[in-house]
């Protein structure tokens, strides 16, 4: 039986930088507000040789661009309204 991929960091693994970046953008599409302590970028791990999210440093330029886009602002408004109607 094959072993499950794991890293000593306990973080989610991504095979490539591109996949990690796509997942990071999807994180912000699905979760709304950019949390100051949340993930900002991706990095290649020297321990497991996969890619992970990191909350250290600056936002990746693609993420920074998305967070300032009209699409993101519209999603924030939509998420706000959705959360208001969850109780009904």
Protein backbone atom coordinates (compact mmCIF):
# COMPACT_ATOMS: atom_id res chain seq x y z
CA UNK A 1 0.00 0.00 0.00
CA UNK A 2 1.49 3.40 -0.97
CA UNK A 3 2.38 5.82 1.80
CA UNK A 4 0.42 9.05 2.03
CA UNK A 5 2.52 12.11 1.24
CA UNK A 6 3.40 14.06 4.38
CA UNK A 7 5.62 16.91 5.45
CA UNK A 8 7.07 17.54 8.89
CA UNK A 9 5.40 20.98 8.72
CA UNK A 10 1.96 19.36 8.60
CA UNK A 11 1.03 21.72 5.76
CA UNK A 12 -0.91 20.78 2.67
CA UNK A 13 1.29 19.62 -0.21
CA UNK A 14 1.22 20.87 -3.79
CA UNK A 15 3.24 19.24 -6.57
CA UNK A 16 4.11 22.50 -8.34
CA UNK A 17 4.32 26.20 -7.67
CA UNK A 18 1.53 26.79 -10.19
CA UNK A 19 -0.82 24.40 -8.37
CA UNK A 20 -0.01 25.98 -5.02
CA UNK A 21 -0.66 29.45 -6.40
CA UNK A 22 -3.97 28.39 -7.97
CA UNK A 23 -5.03 26.91 -4.63
CA UNK A 24 -4.04 30.12 -2.84
CA UNK A 25 -6.12 32.21 -5.23
CA UNK A 26 -9.02 29.80 -4.78
CA UNK A 27 -8.64 30.17 -1.01
CA UNK A 28 -9.32 33.90 -1.33
CA UNK A 29 -12.14 33.37 -3.82
CA UNK A 30 -13.89 31.09 -1.34
CA UNK A 31 -13.02 32.67 1.98
CA UNK A 32 -13.54 36.36 1.47
CA UNK A 33 -11.40 38.82 3.39
CA UNK A 34 -7.65 38.76 3.14
CA UNK A 35 -6.64 37.94 6.68
CA UNK A 36 -3.49 39.73 7.77
CA UNK A 37 -2.31 36.48 9.40
CA UNK A 38 -3.50 34.24 6.58
CA UNK A 39 -1.55 32.78 3.67
CA UNK A 40 0.16 35.32 1.42
CA UNK A 41 2.48 33.37 -0.80
CA UNK A 42 3.80 29.92 -1.67
CA UNK A 43 7.23 28.38 -1.16
CA UNK A 44 9.19 25.28 -2.07
CA UNK A 45 9.87 23.17 1.01
CA UNK A 46 13.37 21.85 1.53
CA UNK A 47 12.07 19.08 3.79
CA UNK A 48 9.55 17.38 1.51
CA UNK A 49 10.29 18.98 -1.90
CA UNK A 50 6.64 20.02 -2.34
CA UNK A 51 5.08 23.48 -2.28
CA UNK A 52 3.16 25.03 0.65
CA UNK A 53 1.36 28.24 1.60
CA UNK A 54 3.11 30.74 3.85
CA UNK A 55 1.81 33.69 5.83
CA UNK A 56 5.29 35.23 6.03
CA UNK A 57 6.51 38.02 3.80
CA UNK A 58 4.65 39.88 1.12
CA UNK A 59 1.62 38.80 -0.88
CA UNK A 60 2.47 37.03 -4.12
CA UNK A 61 2.04 39.58 -6.98
CA UNK A 62 -0.79 37.54 -8.54
CA UNK A 63 -2.62 37.34 -5.21
CA UNK A 64 -2.07 41.04 -4.54
CA UNK A 65 -3.49 41.85 -7.97
CA UNK A 66 -6.53 39.64 -7.38
CA UNK A 67 -7.20 41.17 -3.95
CA UNK A 68 -7.39 44.62 -5.51
CA UNK A 69 -9.59 43.51 -8.42
CA UNK A 70 -13.24 44.39 -8.96
CA UNK A 71 -14.07 40.66 -9.05
CA UNK A 72 -12.71 40.18 -5.54
CA UNK A 73 -14.56 43.23 -4.22
CA UNK A 74 -17.79 41.89 -5.70
CA UNK A 75 -17.20 38.50 -4.07
CA UNK A 76 -16.70 40.21 -0.71
CA UNK A 77 -20.08 41.91 -1.05
CA UNK A 78 -21.75 38.67 -2.13
CA UNK A 79 -20.25 36.75 0.80
CA UNK A 80 -21.47 39.43 3.19
CA UNK A 81 -25.04 39.09 1.92
CA UNK A 82 -24.87 35.30 1.91
CA UNK A 83 -23.78 35.28 5.55
CA UNK A 84 -26.74 37.53 6.46
CA UNK A 85 -29.20 35.02 5.02
CA UNK A 86 -27.62 31.87 6.49
CA UNK A 87 -29.80 32.09 9.59
CA UNK A 88 -33.06 32.06 7.63
